[in-house]
Amino acid sequence: MSAVQEEFDEDSFELSPLEFKTALEQDLGAVLIDVREQYEWDICYIDGARLLPTSSFDPSTSGLDTETPIYLYCYKGQRSMTALKELWNAGYKNLKNLKGGIDLWAEEVDPDMPQY
């Protein structure tokens, strides 16, 4: 009998922009990670975020604690989900992804934020 590998359920990690904002406000020990590139960060970012671009993203050198809640975002939500999976596979378990990325955040949470 072969072992069944646990299915990775992306939906269980995703929060809508409003859920993400509320969770961040309530989870004071959480770390907010922006996985976009520097040129995107220069246009807009969420206050309190730390830039760790996917182009050079490596869980082992990120300096992140496996026990700390980590909230990730990118432009539309795909790159941050990729980074989330890398963290998950490296043993991080307290992870959340911003569904729709900073683009949807700007529409639903911060209408004054520049969009691109």
PDB file of N, CA and C in Angstrom:
ATOM      1  N   MET A   1       0.846  -1.183   0.000  1.00  0.00           N
ATOM      2  CA  MET A   1       0.000   0.000   0.000  1.00  0.00           C
ATOM      3  C   MET A   1       0.892   1.246   0.000  1.00  0.00           C
ATOM      4  N   SER A   2       0.686   2.145  -0.950  1.00  0.00           N
ATOM      5  CA  SER A   2       1.524   3.344  -1.033  1.00  0.00           C
ATOM      6  C   SER A   2       0.984   4.457  -0.135  1.00  0.00           C
ATOM      7  N   ALA A   3       1.912   5.241   0.364  1.00  0.00           N
ATOM      8  CA  ALA A   3       1.518   6.364   1.231  1.00  0.00           C
ATOM      9  C   ALA A   3       0.864   7.449   0.383  1.00  0.00           C
ATOM     10  N   VAL A   4      -0.211   7.999   0.884  1.00  0.00           N
ATOM     11  CA  VAL A   4      -0.903   9.078   0.170  1.00  0.00           C
ATOM     12  C   VAL A   4      -0.305  10.405   0.618  1.00  0.00           C
ATOM     13  N   GLN A   5       0.181  11.190  -0.354  1.00  0.00           N
ATOM     14  CA  GLN A   5       0.770  12.481  -0.016  1.00  0.00           C
ATOM     15  C   GLN A   5      -0.356  13.470   0.284  1.00  0.00           C
ATOM     16  N   GLU A   6      -0.143  14.276   1.330  1.00  0.00           N
ATOM     17  CA  GLU A   6      -1.145  15.269   1.713  1.00  0.00           C
ATOM     18  C   GLU A   6      -1.332  16.272   0.584  1.00  0.00           C
ATOM     19  N   GLU A   7      -2.573  16.495   0.229  1.00  0.00           N
ATOM     20  CA  GLU A   7      -2.922  17.439  -0.837  1.00  0.00           C
ATOM     21  C   GLU A   7      -2.689  18.863  -0.344  1.00  0.00           C
ATOM     22  N   PHE A   8      -2.005  19.669  -1.146  1.00  0.00           N
ATOM     23  CA  PHE A   8      -1.781  21.068  -0.800  1.00  0.00           C
ATOM     24  C   PHE A   8      -2.990  21.863  -1.279  1.00  0.00           C
ATOM     25  N   ASP A   9      -3.720  22.456  -0.341  1.00  0.00           N
ATOM     26  CA  ASP A   9      -4.942  23.176  -0.667  1.00  0.00           C
ATOM     27  C   ASP A   9      -4.690  24.681  -0.614  1.00  0.00           C
ATOM     28  N   GLU A  10      -4.462  25.274  -1.795  1.00  0.00           N
ATOM     29  CA  GLU A  10      -4.170  26.706  -1.871  1.00  0.00           C
ATOM     30  C   GLU A  10      -5.239  27.550  -1.188  1.00  0.00           C
ATOM     31  N   ASP A  11      -6.502  27.167  -1.353  1.00  0.00           N
ATOM     32  CA  ASP A  11      -7.601  27.970  -0.811  1.00  0.00           C
ATOM     33  C   ASP A  11      -7.515  28.149   0.698  1.00  0.00           C
ATOM     34  N   SER A  12      -6.942  27.152   1.391  1.00  0.00           N
ATOM     35  CA  SER A  12      -6.886  27.236   2.853  1.00  0.00           C
ATOM     36  C   SER A  12      -5.898  28.303   3.331  1.00  0.00           C
ATOM     37  N   PHE A  13      -5.056  28.810   2.429  1.00  0.00           N
ATOM     38  CA  PHE A  13      -4.064  29.828   2.793  1.00  0.00           C
ATOM     39  C   PHE A  13      -4.480  31.229   2.346  1.00  0.00           C
ATOM     40  N   GLU A  14      -5.517  31.307   1.515  1.00  0.00           N
ATOM     41  CA  GLU A  14      -5.873  32.582   0.909  1.00  0.00           C
ATOM     42  C   GLU A  14      -6.858  33.376   1.745  1.00  0.00           C
ATOM     43  N   LEU A  15      -6.593  34.683   1.837  1.00  0.00           N
ATOM     44  CA  LEU A  15      -7.496  35.614   2.502  1.00  0.00           C
ATOM     45  C   LEU A  15      -7.835  36.732   1.524  1.00  0.00           C
ATOM     46  N   SER A  16      -9.083  37.172   1.544  1.00  0.00           N
ATOM     47  CA  SER A  16      -9.472  38.329   0.742  1.00  0.00           C
ATOM     48  C   SER A  16      -8.735  39.549   1.297  1.00  0.00           C
ATOM     49  N   PRO A  17      -8.647  40.637   0.547  1.00  0.00           N
ATOM     50  CA  PRO A  17      -7.954  41.815   1.071  1.00  0.00           C
ATOM     51  C   PRO A  17      -8.465  42.278   2.442  1.00  0.00           C
ATOM     52  N   LEU A  18      -9.767  42.296   2.648  1.00  0.00           N
ATOM     53  CA  LEU A  18     -10.290  42.739   3.942  1.00  0.00           C
ATOM     54  C   LEU A  18      -9.965  41.748   5.054  1.00  0.00           C
ATOM     55  N   GLU A  19     -10.057  40.452   4.757  1.00  0.00           N
ATOM     56  CA  GLU A  19      -9.685  39.420   5.739  1.00  0.00           C
ATOM     57  C   GLU A  19      -8.197  39.528   6.085  1.00  0.00           C
ATOM     58  N   PHE A  20      -7.384  39.769   5.055  1.00  0.00           N
ATOM     59  CA  PHE A  20      -5.932  39.893   5.205  1.00  0.00           C
ATOM     60  C   PHE A  20      -5.607  41.079   6.111  1.00  0.00           C
ATOM     61  N   LYS A  21      -6.244  42.224   5.861  1.00  0.00           N
ATOM     62  CA  LYS A  21      -6.032  43.437   6.657  1.00  0.00           C
ATOM     63  C   LYS A  21      -6.412  43.187   8.117  1.00  0.00           C
ATOM     64  N   THR A  22      -7.580  42.597   8.340  1.00  0.00           N
ATOM     65  CA  THR A  22      -8.061  42.313   9.696  1.00  0.00           C
ATOM     66  C   THR A  22      -7.125  41.344  10.414  1.00  0.00           C
ATOM     67  N   ALA A  23      -6.731  40.275   9.719  1.00  0.00           N
ATOM     68  CA  ALA A  23      -5.846  39.268  10.318  1.00  0.00           C
ATOM     69  C   ALA A  23      -4.505  39.894  10.705  1.00  0.00           C
ATOM     70  N   LEU A  24      -3.963  40.745   9.824  1.00  0.00           N
ATOM     71  CA  LEU A  24      -2.686  41.410  10.114  1.00  0.00           C
ATOM     72  C   LEU A  24      -2.803  42.307  11.340  1.00  0.00           C
ATOM     73  N   GLU A  25      -3.911  43.036  11.441  1.00  0.00           N
ATOM     74  CA  GLU A  25      -4.121  43.939  12.577  1.00  0.00           C
ATOM     75  C   GLU A  25      -4.232  43.173  13.885  1.00  0.00           C
ATOM     76  N   GLN A  26      -4.789  41.966  13.829  1.00  0.00           N
ATOM     77  CA  GLN A  26      -4.995  41.165  15.031  1.00  0.00           C
ATOM     78  C   GLN A  26      -3.780  40.309  15.384  1.00  0.00           C
ATOM     79  N   ASP A  27      -2.967  39.979  14.395  1.00  0.00           N
ATOM     80  CA  ASP A  27      -1.818  39.088  14.567  1.00  0.00           C
ATOM     81  C   ASP A  27      -0.550  39.934  14.684  1.00  0.00           C
ATOM     82  N   LEU A  28      -0.346  40.525  15.856  1.00  0.00           N
ATOM     83  CA  LEU A  28       0.709  41.521  16.035  1.00  0.00           C
ATOM     84  C   LEU A  28       2.121  40.981  15.822  1.00  0.00           C
ATOM     85  N   GLY A  29       2.316  39.674  15.965  1.00  0.00           N
ATOM     86  CA  GLY A  29       3.638  39.096  15.769  1.00  0.00           C
ATOM     87  C   GLY A  29       3.917  38.685  14.333  1.00  0.00           C
ATOM     88  N   ALA A  30       2.955  38.902  13.456  1.00  0.00           N
ATOM     89  CA  ALA A  30       3.084  38.454  12.066  1.00  0.00           C
ATOM     90  C   ALA A  30       4.117  39.271  11.294  1.00  0.00           C
ATOM     91  N   VAL A  31       4.714  38.615  10.299  1.00  0.00           N
ATOM     92  CA  VAL A  31       5.658  39.269   9.396  1.00  0.00           C
ATOM     93  C   VAL A  31       4.983  39.361   8.032  1.00  0.00           C
ATOM     94  N   LEU A  32       5.004  40.566   7.447  1.00  0.00           N
ATOM     95  CA  LEU A  32       4.400  40.801   6.139  1.00  0.00           C
ATOM     96  C   LEU A  32       5.502  40.831   5.091  1.00  0.00           C
ATOM     97  N   ILE A  33       5.386  39.937   4.105  1.00  0.00           N
ATOM     98  CA  ILE A  33       6.416  39.796   3.074  1.00  0.00           C
ATOM     99  C   ILE A  33       5.837  40.124   1.694  1.00  0.00           C
ATOM    100  N   ASP A  34       6.527  41.031   1.002  1.00  0.00           N
ATOM    101  CA  ASP A  34       6.201  41.397  -0.375  1.00  0.00           C
ATOM    102  C   ASP A  34       7.207  40.681  -1.263  1.00  0.00           C
ATOM    103  N   VAL A  35       6.723  39.801  -2.153  1.00  0.00           N
ATOM    104  CA  VAL A  35       7.645  39.027  -2.996  1.00  0.00           C
ATOM    105  C   VAL A  35       7.789  39.598  -4.409  1.00  0.00           C
ATOM    106  N   ARG A  36       7.282  40.818  -4.615  1.00  0.00           N
ATOM    107  CA  ARG A  36       7.441  41.463  -5.923  1.00  0.00           C
ATOM    108  C   ARG A  36       8.883  41.953  -6.081  1.00  0.00           C
ATOM    109  N   GLU A  37       9.183  42.496  -7.245  1.00  0.00           N
ATOM    110  CA  GLU A  37      10.530  43.011  -7.509  1.00  0.00           C
ATOM    111  C   GLU A  37      10.640  44.466  -7.054  1.00  0.00           C
ATOM    112  N   GLN A  38      11.875  44.948  -6.911  1.00  0.00           N
ATOM    113  CA  GLN A  38      12.133  46.304  -6.418  1.00  0.00           C
ATOM    114  C   GLN A  38      11.371  47.372  -7.218  1.00  0.00           C
ATOM    115  N   TYR A  39      11.349  47.247  -8.554  1.00  0.00           N
ATOM    116  CA  TYR A  39      10.687  48.271  -9.368  1.00  0.00           C
ATOM    117  C   TYR A  39       9.186  48.336  -9.073  1.00  0.00           C
ATOM    118  N   GLU A  40       8.582  47.215  -8.674  1.00  0.00           N
ATOM    119  CA  GLU A  40       7.162  47.195  -8.316  1.00  0.00           C
ATOM    120  C   GLU A  40       6.972  47.827  -6.938  1.00  0.00           C
ATOM    121  N   TRP A  41       7.859  47.482  -6.012  1.00  0.00           N
ATOM    122  CA  TRP A  41       7.841  48.039  -4.653  1.00  0.00           C
ATOM    123  C   TRP A  41       7.920  49.570  -4.714  1.00  0.00           C
ATOM    124  N   ASP A  42       8.747  50.081  -5.656  1.00  0.00           N
ATOM    125  CA  ASP A  42       8.926  51.526  -5.782  1.00  0.00           C
ATOM    126  C   ASP A  42       7.631  52.242  -6.164  1.00  0.00           C
ATOM    127  N   ILE A  43       6.681  51.522  -6.752  1.00  0.00           N
ATOM    128  CA  ILE A  43       5.387  52.108  -7.133  1.00  0.00           C
ATOM    129  C   ILE A  43       4.452  52.157  -5.928  1.00  0.00           C
ATOM    130  N   CYS A  44       4.366  51.055  -5.203  1.00  0.00           N
ATOM    131  CA  CYS A  44       3.476  50.978  -4.047  1.00  0.00           C
ATOM    132  C   CYS A  44       3.826  49.758  -3.209  1.00  0.00           C
ATOM    133  N   TYR A  45       3.481  49.806  -1.937  1.00  0.00           N
ATOM    134  CA  TYR A  45       3.644  48.653  -1.042  1.00  0.00           C
ATOM    135  C   TYR A  45       2.720  48.837   0.150  1.00  0.00           C
ATOM    136  N   ILE A  46       2.506  47.754   0.891  1.00  0.00           N
ATOM    137  CA  ILE A  46       1.676  47.806   2.090  1.00  0.00           C
ATOM    138  C   ILE A  46       2.588  48.157   3.260  1.00  0.00           C
ATOM    139  N   ASP A  47       2.195  49.161   4.037  1.00  0.00           N
ATOM    140  CA  ASP A  47       3.008  49.600   5.182  1.00  0.00           C
ATOM    141  C   ASP A  47       3.370  48.431   6.089  1.00  0.00           C
ATOM    142  N   GLY A  48       4.631  48.390   6.501  1.00  0.00           N
ATOM    143  CA  GLY A  48       5.102  47.349   7.404  1.00  0.00           C
ATOM    144  C   GLY A  48       5.660  46.129   6.695  1.00  0.00           C
ATOM    145  N   ALA A  49       5.563  46.110   5.370  1.00  0.00           N
ATOM    146  CA  ALA A  49       6.034  44.951   4.602  1.00  0.00           C
ATOM    147  C   ALA A  49       7.556  44.952   4.479  1.00  0.00           C
ATOM    148  N   ARG A  50       8.071  43.748   4.246  1.00  0.00           N
ATOM    149  CA  ARG A  50       9.491  43.541   3.993  1.00  0.00           C
ATOM    150  C   ARG A  50       9.619  42.963   2.586  1.00  0.00           C
ATOM    151  N   LEU A  51      10.514  43.495   1.793  1.00  0.00           N
ATOM    152  CA  LEU A  51      10.689  43.049   0.408  1.00  0.00           C
ATOM    153  C   LEU A  51      11.635  41.855   0.327  1.00  0.00           C
ATOM    154  N   LEU A  52      11.096  40.728  -0.182  1.00  0.00           N
ATOM    155  CA  LEU A  52      11.895  39.522  -0.458  1.00  0.00           C
ATOM    156  C   LEU A  52      11.479  39.025  -1.845  1.00  0.00           C
ATOM    157  N   PRO A  53      12.051  39.588  -2.900  1.00  0.00           N
ATOM    158  CA  PRO A  53      11.610  39.264  -4.268  1.00  0.00           C
ATOM    159  C   PRO A  53      11.714  37.775  -4.614  1.00  0.00           C
ATOM    160  N   THR A  54      10.737  37.294  -5.386  1.00  0.00           N
ATOM    161  CA  THR A  54      10.747  35.888  -5.784  1.00  0.00           C
ATOM    162  C   THR A  54      11.976  35.543  -6.617  1.00  0.00           C
ATOM    163  N   SER A  55      12.529  36.534  -7.331  1.00  0.00           N
ATOM    164  CA  SER A  55      13.694  36.254  -8.181  1.00  0.00           C
ATOM    165  C   SER A  55      14.884  35.767  -7.363  1.00  0.00           C
ATOM    166  N   SER A  56      14.920  36.118  -6.073  1.00  0.00           N
ATOM    167  CA  SER A  56      16.028  35.671  -5.221  1.00  0.00           C
ATOM    168  C   SER A  56      15.510  35.034  -3.928  1.00  0.00           C
ATOM    169  N   PHE A  57      14.255  34.569  -3.960  1.00  0.00           N
ATOM    170  CA  PHE A  57      13.620  34.044  -2.754  1.00  0.00           C
ATOM    171  C   PHE A  57      14.162  32.670  -2.390  1.00  0.00           C
ATOM    172  N   ASP A  58      14.582  32.526  -1.131  1.00  0.00           N
ATOM    173  CA  ASP A  58      15.083  31.252  -0.635  1.00  0.00           C
ATOM    174  C   ASP A  58      14.740  31.151   0.851  1.00  0.00           C
ATOM    175  N   PRO A  59      13.820  30.240   1.212  1.00  0.00           N
ATOM    176  CA  PRO A  59      13.429  30.122   2.617  1.00  0.00           C
ATOM    177  C   PRO A  59      14.611  29.964   3.569  1.00  0.00           C
ATOM    178  N   SER A  60      15.670  29.265   3.142  1.00  0.00           N
ATOM    179  CA  SER A  60      16.786  28.985   4.044  1.00  0.00           C
ATOM    180  C   SER A  60      17.620  30.228   4.355  1.00  0.00           C
ATOM    181  N   THR A  61      17.567  31.243   3.492  1.00  0.00           N
ATOM    182  CA  THR A  61      18.344  32.463   3.739  1.00  0.00           C
ATOM    183  C   THR A  61      17.449  33.668   4.014  1.00  0.00           C
ATOM    184  N   SER A  62      16.153  33.434   4.172  1.00  0.00           N
ATOM    185  CA  SER A  62      15.200  34.540   4.345  1.00  0.00           C
ATOM    186  C   SER A  62      15.279  35.185   5.724  1.00  0.00           C
ATOM    187  N   GLY A  63      15.819  34.441   6.704  1.00  0.00           N
ATOM    188  CA  GLY A  63      15.864  34.958   8.059  1.00  0.00           C
ATOM    189  C   GLY A  63      14.523  34.868   8.770  1.00  0.00           C
ATOM    190  N   LEU A  64      13.569  34.179   8.156  1.00  0.00           N
ATOM    191  CA  LEU A  64      12.233  34.041   8.743  1.00  0.00           C
ATOM    192  C   LEU A  64      12.205  32.867   9.719  1.00  0.00           C
ATOM    193  N   ASP A  65      11.444  33.038  10.788  1.00  0.00           N
ATOM    194  CA  ASP A  65      11.295  32.009  11.813  1.00  0.00           C
ATOM    195  C   ASP A  65      10.148  31.077  11.413  1.00  0.00           C
ATOM    196  N   THR A  66      10.372  29.775  11.507  1.00  0.00           N
ATOM    197  CA  THR A  66       9.338  28.814  11.111  1.00  0.00           C
ATOM    198  C   THR A  66       8.089  28.915  11.977  1.00  0.00           C
ATOM    199  N   GLU A  67       8.207  29.463  13.187  1.00  0.00           N
ATOM    200  CA  GLU A  67       7.064  29.563  14.102  1.00  0.00           C
ATOM    201  C   GLU A  67       6.274  30.857  13.934  1.00  0.00           C
ATOM    202  N   THR A  68       6.870  31.862  13.287  1.00  0.00           N
ATOM    203  CA  THR A  68       6.236  33.169  13.148  1.00  0.00           C
ATOM    204  C   THR A  68       5.162  33.142  12.064  1.00  0.00           C
ATOM    205  N   PRO A  69       3.997  33.766  12.314  1.00  0.00           N
ATOM    206  CA  PRO A  69       2.994  33.883  11.260  1.00  0.00           C
ATOM    207  C   PRO A  69       3.550  34.746  10.117  1.00  0.00           C
ATOM    208  N   ILE A  70       3.437  34.251   8.893  1.00  0.00           N
ATOM    209  CA  ILE A  70       3.959  34.960   7.730  1.00  0.00           C
ATOM    210  C   ILE A  70       2.826  35.208   6.740  1.00  0.00           C
ATOM    211  N   TYR A  71       2.677  36.474   6.380  1.00  0.00           N
ATOM    212  CA  TYR A  71       1.660  36.898   5.417  1.00  0.00           C
ATOM    213  C   TYR A  71       2.387  37.353   4.166  1.00  0.00           C
ATOM    214  N   LEU A  72       1.994  36.793   3.026  1.00  0.00           N
ATOM    215  CA  LEU A  72       2.677  37.097   1.775  1.00  0.00           C
ATOM    216  C   LEU A  72       1.748  37.754   0.768  1.00  0.00           C
ATOM    217  N   TYR A  73       2.347  38.616  -0.061  1.00  0.00           N
ATOM    218  CA  TYR A  73       1.585  39.178  -1.173  1.00  0.00           C
ATOM    219  C   TYR A  73       2.512  39.511  -2.331  1.00  0.00           C
ATOM    220  N   CYS A  74       1.903  39.645  -3.509  1.00  0.00           N
ATOM    221  CA  CYS A  74       2.607  40.085  -4.709  1.00  0.00           C
ATOM    222  C   CYS A  74       1.639  40.976  -5.486  1.00  0.00           C
ATOM    223  N   TYR A  75       1.743  41.003  -6.803  1.00  0.00           N
ATOM    224  CA  TYR A  75       0.881  41.865  -7.599  1.00  0.00           C
ATOM    225  C   TYR A  75      -0.535  41.306  -7.716  1.00  0.00           C
ATOM    226  N   LYS A  76      -0.650  40.031  -8.112  1.00  0.00           N
ATOM    227  CA  LYS A  76      -1.972  39.424  -8.310  1.00  0.00           C
ATOM    228  C   LYS A  76      -2.232  38.200  -7.434  1.00  0.00           C
ATOM    229  N   GLY A  77      -1.207  37.699  -6.726  1.00  0.00           N
ATOM    230  CA  GLY A  77      -1.388  36.572  -5.819  1.00  0.00           C
ATOM    231  C   GLY A  77      -0.713  35.279  -6.231  1.00  0.00           C
ATOM    232  N   GLN A  78      -0.222  35.191  -7.485  1.00  0.00           N
ATOM    233  CA  GLN A  78       0.395  33.933  -7.941  1.00  0.00           C
ATOM    234  C   GLN A  78       1.812  33.745  -7.413  1.00  0.00           C
ATOM    235  N   ARG A  79       2.654  34.776  -7.531  1.00  0.00           N
ATOM    236  CA  ARG A  79       4.047  34.645  -7.080  1.00  0.00           C
ATOM    237  C   ARG A  79       4.110  34.420  -5.571  1.00  0.00           C
ATOM    238  N   SER A  80       3.243  35.103  -4.836  1.00  0.00           N
ATOM    239  CA  SER A  80       3.265  34.919  -3.379  1.00  0.00           C
ATOM    240  C   SER A  80       2.798  33.515  -3.009  1.00  0.00           C
ATOM    241  N   MET A  81       1.896  32.928  -3.790  1.00  0.00           N
ATOM    242  CA  MET A  81       1.484  31.544  -3.519  1.00  0.00           C
ATOM    243  C   MET A  81       2.650  30.592  -3.810  1.00  0.00           C
ATOM    244  N   THR A  82       3.429  30.871  -4.840  1.00  0.00           N
ATOM    245  CA  THR A  82       4.610  30.061  -5.137  1.00  0.00           C
ATOM    246  C   THR A  82       5.605  30.135  -3.984  1.00  0.00           C
ATOM    247  N   ALA A  83       5.838  31.340  -3.462  1.00  0.00           N
ATOM    248  CA  ALA A  83       6.744  31.523  -2.326  1.00  0.00           C
ATOM    249  C   ALA A  83       6.176  30.829  -1.092  1.00  0.00           C
ATOM    250  N   LEU A  84       4.865  30.904  -0.900  1.00  0.00           N
ATOM    251  CA  LEU A  84       4.211  30.250   0.234  1.00  0.00           C
ATOM    252  C   LEU A  84       4.449  28.742   0.179  1.00  0.00           C
ATOM    253  N   LYS A  85       4.321  28.156  -1.014  1.00  0.00           N
ATOM    254  CA  LYS A  85       4.554  26.712  -1.166  1.00  0.00           C
ATOM    255  C   LYS A  85       6.005  26.357  -0.831  1.00  0.00           C
ATOM    256  N   GLU A  86       6.951  27.212  -1.236  1.00  0.00           N
ATOM    257  CA  GLU A  86       8.364  26.969  -0.911  1.00  0.00           C
ATOM    258  C   GLU A  86       8.555  26.987   0.600  1.00  0.00           C
ATOM    259  N   LEU A  87       7.930  27.953   1.265  1.00  0.00           N
ATOM    260  CA  LEU A  87       8.035  28.035   2.729  1.00  0.00           C
ATOM    261  C   LEU A  87       7.383  26.809   3.375  1.00  0.00           C
ATOM    262  N   TRP A  88       6.202  26.432   2.883  1.00  0.00           N
ATOM    263  CA  TRP A  88       5.483  25.267   3.403  1.00  0.00           C
ATOM    264  C   TRP A  88       6.362  24.013   3.313  1.00  0.00           C
ATOM    265  N   ASN A  89       6.975  23.821   2.149  1.00  0.00           N
ATOM    266  CA  ASN A  89       7.836  22.657   1.935  1.00  0.00           C
ATOM    267  C   ASN A  89       9.089  22.697   2.794  1.00  0.00           C
ATOM    268  N   ALA A  90       9.475  23.907   3.242  1.00  0.00           N
ATOM    269  CA  ALA A  90      10.661  24.063   4.093  1.00  0.00           C
ATOM    270  C   ALA A  90      10.308  23.973   5.582  1.00  0.00           C
ATOM    271  N   GLY A  91       9.023  23.703   5.883  1.00  0.00           N
ATOM    272  CA  GLY A  91       8.644  23.487   7.268  1.00  0.00           C
ATOM    273  C   GLY A  91       7.888  24.628   7.944  1.00  0.00           C
ATOM    274  N   TYR A  92       7.621  25.684   7.208  1.00  0.00           N
ATOM    275  CA  TYR A  92       6.828  26.792   7.755  1.00  0.00           C
ATOM    276  C   TYR A  92       5.354  26.406   7.654  1.00  0.00           C
ATOM    277  N   LYS A  93       4.598  26.624   8.723  1.00  0.00           N
ATOM    278  CA  LYS A  93       3.202  26.179   8.689  1.00  0.00           C
ATOM    279  C   LYS A  93       2.185  27.293   8.915  1.00  0.00           C
ATOM    280  N   ASN A  94       2.599  28.429   9.481  1.00  0.00           N
ATOM    281  CA  ASN A  94       1.659  29.515   9.783  1.00  0.00           C
ATOM    282  C   ASN A  94       1.746  30.561   8.667  1.00  0.00           C
ATOM    283  N   LEU A  95       1.081  30.276   7.539  1.00  0.00           N
ATOM    284  CA  LEU A  95       1.218  31.077   6.331  1.00  0.00           C
ATOM    285  C   LEU A  95      -0.124  31.549   5.792  1.00  0.00           C
ATOM    286  N   LYS A  96      -0.140  32.777   5.260  1.00  0.00           N
ATOM    287  CA  LYS A  96      -1.344  33.313   4.618  1.00  0.00           C
ATOM    288  C   LYS A  96      -0.933  34.042   3.350  1.00  0.00           C
ATOM    289  N   ASN A  97      -1.806  33.997   2.344  1.00  0.00           N
ATOM    290  CA  ASN A  97      -1.561  34.655   1.067  1.00  0.00           C
ATOM    291  C   ASN A  97      -2.678  35.652   0.785  1.00  0.00           C
ATOM    292  N   LEU A  98      -2.315  36.831   0.259  1.00  0.00           N
ATOM    293  CA  LEU A  98      -3.298  37.846  -0.105  1.00  0.00           C
ATOM    294  C   LEU A  98      -3.906  37.502  -1.457  1.00  0.00           C
ATOM    295  N   LYS A  99      -5.156  37.068  -1.430  1.00  0.00           N
ATOM    296  CA  LYS A  99      -5.857  36.700  -2.666  1.00  0.00           C
ATOM    297  C   LYS A  99      -6.043  37.952  -3.531  1.00  0.00           C
ATOM    298  N   GLY A 100      -5.637  37.866  -4.791  1.00  0.00           N
ATOM    299  CA  GLY A 100      -5.754  39.004  -5.698  1.00  0.00           C
ATOM    300  C   GLY A 100      -4.609  39.999  -5.585  1.00  0.00           C
ATOM    301  N   GLY A 101      -3.704  39.755  -4.632  1.00  0.00           N
ATOM    302  CA  GLY A 101      -2.504  40.573  -4.494  1.00  0.00           C
ATOM    303  C   GLY A 101      -2.761  42.028  -4.156  1.00  0.00           C
ATOM    304  N   ILE A 102      -1.706  42.823  -4.296  1.00  0.00           N
ATOM    305  CA  ILE A 102      -1.773  44.244  -3.961  1.00  0.00           C
ATOM    306  C   ILE A 102      -2.694  44.988  -4.926  1.00  0.00           C
ATOM    307  N   ASP A 103      -2.916  44.417  -6.099  1.00  0.00           N
ATOM    308  CA  ASP A 103      -3.825  45.032  -7.069  1.00  0.00           C
ATOM    309  C   ASP A 103      -5.248  45.076  -6.502  1.00  0.00           C
ATOM    310  N   LEU A 104      -5.716  43.942  -5.970  1.00  0.00           N
ATOM    311  CA  LEU A 104      -7.059  43.885  -5.382  1.00  0.00           C
ATOM    312  C   LEU A 104      -7.091  44.643  -4.048  1.00  0.00           C
ATOM    313  N   TRP A 105      -5.983  44.610  -3.301  1.00  0.00           N
ATOM    314  CA  TRP A 105      -5.863  45.369  -2.047  1.00  0.00           C
ATOM    315  C   TRP A 105      -6.134  46.855  -2.315  1.00  0.00           C
ATOM    316  N   ALA A 106      -5.523  47.388  -3.382  1.00  0.00           N
ATOM    317  CA  ALA A 106      -5.689  48.803  -3.724  1.00  0.00           C
ATOM    318  C   ALA A 106      -7.156  49.115  -4.033  1.00  0.00           C
ATOM    319  N   GLU A 107      -7.846  48.178  -4.649  1.00  0.00           N
ATOM    320  CA  GLU A 107      -9.260  48.398  -4.984  1.00  0.00           C
ATOM    321  C   GLU A 107     -10.152  48.315  -3.750  1.00  0.00           C
ATOM    322  N   GLU A 108      -9.898  47.327  -2.876  1.00  0.00           N
ATOM    323  CA  GLU A 108     -10.831  47.045  -1.792  1.00  0.00           C
ATOM    324  C   GLU A 108     -10.455  47.651  -0.439  1.00  0.00           C
ATOM    325  N   VAL A 109      -9.162  47.903  -0.211  1.00  0.00           N
ATOM    326  CA  VAL A 109      -8.721  48.364   1.111  1.00  0.00           C
ATOM    327  C   VAL A 109      -8.150  49.781   1.071  1.00  0.00           C
ATOM    328  N   ASP A 110      -7.312  50.080   0.083  1.00  0.00           N
ATOM    329  CA  ASP A 110      -6.614  51.346   0.029  1.00  0.00           C
ATOM    330  C   ASP A 110      -6.747  52.009  -1.347  1.00  0.00           C
ATOM    331  N   PRO A 111      -7.911  52.667  -1.583  1.00  0.00           N
ATOM    332  CA  PRO A 111      -8.171  53.250  -2.914  1.00  0.00           C
ATOM    333  C   PRO A 111      -7.201  54.375  -3.302  1.00  0.00           C
ATOM    334  N   ASP A 112      -6.455  54.910  -2.346  1.00  0.00           N
ATOM    335  CA  ASP A 112      -5.480  55.964  -2.664  1.00  0.00           C
ATOM    336  C   ASP A 112      -4.133  55.400  -3.126  1.00  0.00           C
ATOM    337  N   MET A 113      -3.978  54.079  -3.009  1.00  0.00           N
ATOM    338  CA  MET A 113      -2.706  53.446  -3.387  1.00  0.00           C
ATOM    339  C   MET A 113      -2.545  53.488  -4.908  1.00  0.00           C
ATOM    340  N   PRO A 114      -1.343  53.861  -5.390  1.00  0.00           N
ATOM    341  CA  PRO A 114      -1.112  53.824  -6.842  1.00  0.00           C
ATOM    342  C   PRO A 114      -1.240  52.398  -7.385  1.00  0.00           C
ATOM    343  N   GLN A 115      -1.836  52.254  -8.561  1.00  0.00           N
ATOM    344  CA  GLN A 115      -1.940  50.942  -9.202  1.00  0.00           C
ATOM    345  C   GLN A 115      -1.163  50.953 -10.495  1.00  0.00           C
ATOM    346  N   TYR A 116      -0.765  49.777 -10.938  1.00  0.00           N
ATOM    347  CA  TYR A 116       0.001  49.670 -12.182  1.00  0.00           C
ATOM    348  C   TYR A 116      -0.445  48.486 -12.981  1.00  0.00           C
TER     349      TYR A 116
END
